[in-house]
Amino acid sequence: MQNKKTSNSFSTLDEIVERKDALLEEIQRDEEKVASLWSQTFLKRDETSKGDYIASLVSNGFIAFDAFLLVRKLFKGYGFLFGKGKRKRWL
């Protein structure tokens, strides 16, 4: 999609109609391009191998474990904000 700031001077009604038709065709081409890209964005891939499946499981497992450790650390350090435990004194 090109943004061109050109000032066209039209002298007849036919020139305006031609320009309008050209712009309409360009818009339709752009709409088709966007529609094809949009459908490719959310295309589900069924071609996963067992190795990809296992790698995905391991990756998701590490992410879940990391999230658990993060929540545990936050509750341990800032549990008083959530009503759990007493506030630690720093002095």
N, C-alpha and C. Protein backbone atom coordinates (compact mmCIF):
# COMPACT_ATOMS: atom_id res chain seq x y z
N MET A 1 0.84 -1.16 0.00
CA MET A 1 0.00 0.00 0.00
C MET A 1 0.89 1.23 0.00
N GLN A 2 0.75 2.00 -0.99
CA GLN A 2 1.60 3.17 -1.15
C GLN A 2 0.80 4.41 -0.83
N ASN A 3 1.40 5.28 -0.05
CA ASN A 3 0.78 6.54 0.28
C ASN A 3 1.44 7.61 -0.55
N LYS A 4 0.79 7.98 -1.61
CA LYS A 4 1.35 9.01 -2.48
C LYS A 4 0.50 10.26 -2.33
N LYS A 5 1.14 11.35 -2.04
CA LYS A 5 0.44 12.61 -1.93
C LYS A 5 0.71 13.39 -3.21
N THR A 6 -0.13 13.16 -4.15
CA THR A 6 0.00 13.87 -5.42
C THR A 6 -1.27 14.66 -5.65
N SER A 7 -1.10 15.81 -6.18
CA SER A 7 -2.27 16.61 -6.50
C SER A 7 -2.49 16.48 -8.00
N ASN A 8 -3.58 15.85 -8.33
CA ASN A 8 -3.93 15.66 -9.72
C ASN A 8 -4.92 16.74 -10.12
N SER A 9 -4.62 17.35 -11.23
CA SER A 9 -5.57 18.34 -11.74
C SER A 9 -6.33 17.70 -12.89
N PHE A 10 -7.61 17.62 -12.72
CA PHE A 10 -8.46 17.01 -13.73
C PHE A 10 -9.20 18.11 -14.47
N SER A 11 -9.24 17.95 -15.79
CA SER A 11 -9.92 18.97 -16.57
C SER A 11 -11.27 18.51 -17.11
N THR A 12 -11.46 17.20 -17.14
CA THR A 12 -12.74 16.70 -17.65
C THR A 12 -13.31 15.67 -16.68
N LEU A 13 -14.58 15.41 -16.88
CA LEU A 13 -15.27 14.43 -16.06
C LEU A 13 -14.77 13.02 -16.35
N ASP A 14 -14.38 12.76 -17.59
CA ASP A 14 -13.85 11.44 -17.97
C ASP A 14 -12.55 11.12 -17.23
N GLU A 15 -11.70 12.11 -17.04
CA GLU A 15 -10.44 11.89 -16.31
C GLU A 15 -10.73 11.53 -14.85
N ILE A 16 -11.74 12.16 -14.27
CA ILE A 16 -12.11 11.86 -12.89
C ILE A 16 -12.64 10.43 -12.80
N VAL A 17 -13.47 10.03 -13.75
CA VAL A 17 -14.02 8.67 -13.74
C VAL A 17 -12.91 7.64 -13.92
N GLU A 18 -11.95 7.91 -14.81
CA GLU A 18 -10.82 7.00 -15.01
C GLU A 18 -10.00 6.85 -13.74
N ARG A 19 -9.74 7.96 -13.08
CA ARG A 19 -8.96 7.93 -11.84
C ARG A 19 -9.72 7.17 -10.75
N LYS A 20 -11.02 7.37 -10.69
CA LYS A 20 -11.85 6.67 -9.71
C LYS A 20 -11.81 5.17 -9.97
N ASP A 21 -11.90 4.75 -11.21
CA ASP A 21 -11.85 3.33 -11.54
C ASP A 21 -10.49 2.73 -11.21
N ALA A 22 -9.43 3.48 -11.48
CA ALA A 22 -8.08 2.99 -11.18
C ALA A 22 -7.91 2.82 -9.67
N LEU A 23 -8.41 3.78 -8.89
CA LEU A 23 -8.31 3.68 -7.44
C LEU A 23 -9.14 2.52 -6.90
N LEU A 24 -10.31 2.30 -7.48
CA LEU A 24 -11.15 1.19 -7.06
C LEU A 24 -10.48 -0.15 -7.31
N GLU A 25 -9.85 -0.30 -8.46
CA GLU A 25 -9.12 -1.53 -8.77
C GLU A 25 -7.95 -1.74 -7.80
N GLU A 26 -7.24 -0.66 -7.48
CA GLU A 26 -6.12 -0.76 -6.55
C GLU A 26 -6.60 -1.16 -5.15
N ILE A 27 -7.72 -0.61 -4.74
CA ILE A 27 -8.28 -0.96 -3.43
C ILE A 27 -8.69 -2.42 -3.40
N GLN A 28 -9.30 -2.91 -4.46
CA GLN A 28 -9.71 -4.31 -4.52
C GLN A 28 -8.51 -5.25 -4.49
N ARG A 29 -7.43 -4.89 -5.18
CA ARG A 29 -6.20 -5.71 -5.14
C ARG A 29 -5.64 -5.74 -3.72
N ASP A 30 -5.62 -4.60 -3.08
CA ASP A 30 -5.11 -4.54 -1.71
C ASP A 30 -5.99 -5.36 -0.75
N GLU A 31 -7.30 -5.31 -0.94
CA GLU A 31 -8.19 -6.09 -0.09
C GLU A 31 -7.94 -7.59 -0.26
N GLU A 32 -7.73 -8.03 -1.50
CA GLU A 32 -7.44 -9.45 -1.75
C GLU A 32 -6.13 -9.85 -1.10
N LYS A 33 -5.13 -8.98 -1.19
CA LYS A 33 -3.83 -9.27 -0.58
C LYS A 33 -3.95 -9.38 0.93
N VAL A 34 -4.67 -8.45 1.54
CA VAL A 34 -4.85 -8.47 2.99
C VAL A 34 -5.63 -9.71 3.41
N ALA A 35 -6.67 -10.08 2.65
CA ALA A 35 -7.47 -11.26 2.99
C ALA A 35 -6.63 -12.53 2.93
N SER A 36 -5.76 -12.65 1.92
CA SER A 36 -4.94 -13.85 1.84
C SER A 36 -3.91 -13.90 2.96
N LEU A 37 -3.32 -12.76 3.30
CA LEU A 37 -2.36 -12.73 4.40
C LEU A 37 -3.05 -13.01 5.73
N TRP A 38 -4.27 -12.51 5.90
CA TRP A 38 -5.00 -12.72 7.14
C TRP A 38 -5.33 -14.20 7.31
N SER A 39 -5.73 -14.86 6.25
CA SER A 39 -6.07 -16.28 6.36
C SER A 39 -4.82 -17.12 6.62
N GLN A 40 -3.67 -16.70 6.11
CA GLN A 40 -2.43 -17.43 6.36
C GLN A 40 -1.95 -17.25 7.79
N THR A 41 -2.32 -16.13 8.39
CA THR A 41 -1.88 -15.85 9.76
C THR A 41 -2.44 -16.87 10.74
N PHE A 42 -3.69 -17.24 10.57
CA PHE A 42 -4.35 -18.13 11.52
C PHE A 42 -4.53 -19.53 10.96
N LEU A 43 -3.68 -19.93 10.06
CA LEU A 43 -3.75 -21.26 9.47
C LEU A 43 -3.18 -22.27 10.45
N LYS A 44 -3.96 -23.29 10.76
CA LYS A 44 -3.51 -24.31 11.70
C LYS A 44 -2.61 -25.30 10.97
N ARG A 45 -1.48 -25.57 11.54
CA ARG A 45 -0.52 -26.48 10.92
C ARG A 45 -0.74 -27.88 11.46
N ASP A 46 -1.07 -28.81 10.58
CA ASP A 46 -1.28 -30.20 10.98
C ASP A 46 -0.06 -31.06 10.73
N GLU A 47 1.01 -30.46 10.25
CA GLU A 47 2.19 -31.22 9.85
C GLU A 47 3.22 -31.29 10.97
N THR A 48 2.77 -31.50 12.21
CA THR A 48 3.72 -31.57 13.32
C THR A 48 4.19 -33.00 13.50
N SER A 49 5.46 -33.12 13.70
CA SER A 49 6.04 -34.45 13.91
C SER A 49 6.05 -34.76 15.42
N LYS A 50 6.41 -35.99 15.75
CA LYS A 50 6.48 -36.35 17.17
C LYS A 50 7.54 -35.53 17.89
N GLY A 51 8.63 -35.25 17.21
CA GLY A 51 9.69 -34.45 17.81
C GLY A 51 9.23 -33.04 18.15
N ASP A 52 8.47 -32.44 17.23
CA ASP A 52 7.93 -31.10 17.50
C ASP A 52 6.94 -31.14 18.66
N TYR A 53 6.13 -32.20 18.72
CA TYR A 53 5.15 -32.35 19.78
C TYR A 53 5.85 -32.46 21.14
N ILE A 54 6.88 -33.27 21.21
CA ILE A 54 7.62 -33.46 22.47
C ILE A 54 8.35 -32.18 22.86
N ALA A 55 8.93 -31.50 21.88
CA ALA A 55 9.61 -30.24 22.16
C ALA A 55 8.62 -29.21 22.70
N SER A 56 7.41 -29.20 22.15
CA SER A 56 6.38 -28.28 22.62
C SER A 56 5.98 -28.61 24.06
N LEU A 57 5.83 -29.90 24.36
CA LEU A 57 5.49 -30.30 25.73
C LEU A 57 6.57 -29.90 26.72
N VAL A 58 7.82 -30.13 26.36
CA VAL A 58 8.93 -29.77 27.25
C VAL A 58 8.97 -28.26 27.46
N SER A 59 8.81 -27.52 26.37
CA SER A 59 8.84 -26.06 26.46
C SER A 59 7.71 -25.55 27.35
N ASN A 60 6.49 -26.07 27.16
CA ASN A 60 5.37 -25.65 27.99
C ASN A 60 5.57 -26.07 29.44
N GLY A 61 6.21 -27.20 29.67
CA GLY A 61 6.51 -27.63 31.04
C GLY A 61 7.46 -26.67 31.73
N PHE A 62 8.51 -26.26 31.01
CA PHE A 62 9.45 -25.30 31.60
C PHE A 62 8.79 -23.96 31.87
N ILE A 63 7.92 -23.54 30.98
CA ILE A 63 7.22 -22.27 31.19
C ILE A 63 6.33 -22.35 32.42
N ALA A 64 5.60 -23.46 32.59
CA ALA A 64 4.73 -23.63 33.75
C ALA A 64 5.55 -23.67 35.04
N PHE A 65 6.67 -24.38 35.03
CA PHE A 65 7.53 -24.47 36.21
C PHE A 65 8.11 -23.10 36.56
N ASP A 66 8.53 -22.36 35.56
CA ASP A 66 9.08 -21.03 35.77
C ASP A 66 8.01 -20.10 36.36
N ALA A 67 6.78 -20.19 35.85
CA ALA A 67 5.69 -19.37 36.38
C ALA A 67 5.41 -19.73 37.84
N PHE A 68 5.44 -21.03 38.15
CA PHE A 68 5.23 -21.46 39.53
C PHE A 68 6.30 -20.89 40.45
N LEU A 69 7.56 -20.95 40.04
CA LEU A 69 8.64 -20.40 40.87
C LEU A 69 8.51 -18.89 41.04
N LEU A 70 8.09 -18.21 39.99
CA LEU A 70 7.91 -16.76 40.08
C LEU A 70 6.81 -16.40 41.07
N VAL A 71 5.68 -17.09 40.99
CA VAL A 71 4.58 -16.81 41.92
C VAL A 71 5.00 -17.13 43.34
N ARG A 72 5.70 -18.23 43.54
CA ARG A 72 6.17 -18.60 44.88
C ARG A 72 7.10 -17.54 45.45
N LYS A 73 8.00 -17.04 44.62
CA LYS A 73 8.95 -16.02 45.06
C LYS A 73 8.22 -14.72 45.40
N LEU A 74 7.23 -14.36 44.57
CA LEU A 74 6.49 -13.13 44.85
C LEU A 74 5.68 -13.25 46.14
N PHE A 75 5.05 -14.40 46.36
CA PHE A 75 4.30 -14.59 47.60
C PHE A 75 5.21 -14.60 48.80
N LYS A 76 6.39 -15.17 48.65
CA LYS A 76 7.33 -15.23 49.77
C LYS A 76 7.83 -13.84 50.13
N GLY A 77 8.13 -13.03 49.11
CA GLY A 77 8.67 -11.70 49.38
C GLY A 77 7.62 -10.65 49.63
N TYR A 78 6.47 -10.76 48.98
CA TYR A 78 5.44 -9.72 49.07
C TYR A 78 4.10 -10.30 49.50
N GLY A 79 4.13 -11.35 50.31
CA GLY A 79 2.90 -11.99 50.76
C GLY A 79 2.02 -11.09 51.60
N PHE A 80 2.63 -10.12 52.27
CA PHE A 80 1.85 -9.21 53.10
C PHE A 80 0.89 -8.39 52.27
N LEU A 81 1.18 -8.18 51.00
CA LEU A 81 0.25 -7.45 50.14
C LEU A 81 -1.01 -8.25 49.87
N PHE A 82 -0.90 -9.57 49.94
CA PHE A 82 -2.03 -10.44 49.67
C PHE A 82 -2.67 -10.97 50.94
N GLY A 83 -2.24 -10.45 52.11
CA GLY A 83 -2.82 -10.88 53.38
C GLY A 83 -2.24 -12.18 53.90
N LYS A 84 -1.10 -12.59 53.37
CA LYS A 84 -0.47 -13.84 53.82
C LYS A 84 0.79 -13.50 54.60
N GLY A 85 0.83 -13.82 55.84
CA GLY A 85 2.05 -13.65 56.65
C GLY A 85 2.23 -12.21 57.10
N LYS A 86 3.27 -12.02 57.88
CA LYS A 86 3.57 -10.71 58.42
C LYS A 86 4.59 -10.02 57.54
N ARG A 87 4.60 -8.71 57.63
CA ARG A 87 5.56 -7.92 56.87
C ARG A 87 6.92 -8.01 57.51
N LYS A 88 7.92 -8.21 56.70
CA LYS A 88 9.28 -8.30 57.23
C LYS A 88 9.83 -6.92 57.48
N ARG A 89 10.56 -6.79 58.57
CA ARG A 89 11.20 -5.51 58.88
C ARG A 89 12.59 -5.52 58.30
N TRP A 90 12.96 -4.45 57.67
CA TRP A 90 14.26 -4.38 57.03
C TRP A 90 15.34 -3.85 57.96
N LEU A 91 14.98 -3.28 59.07
CA LEU A 91 15.98 -2.75 59.98
C LEU A 91 16.23 -3.64 61.16
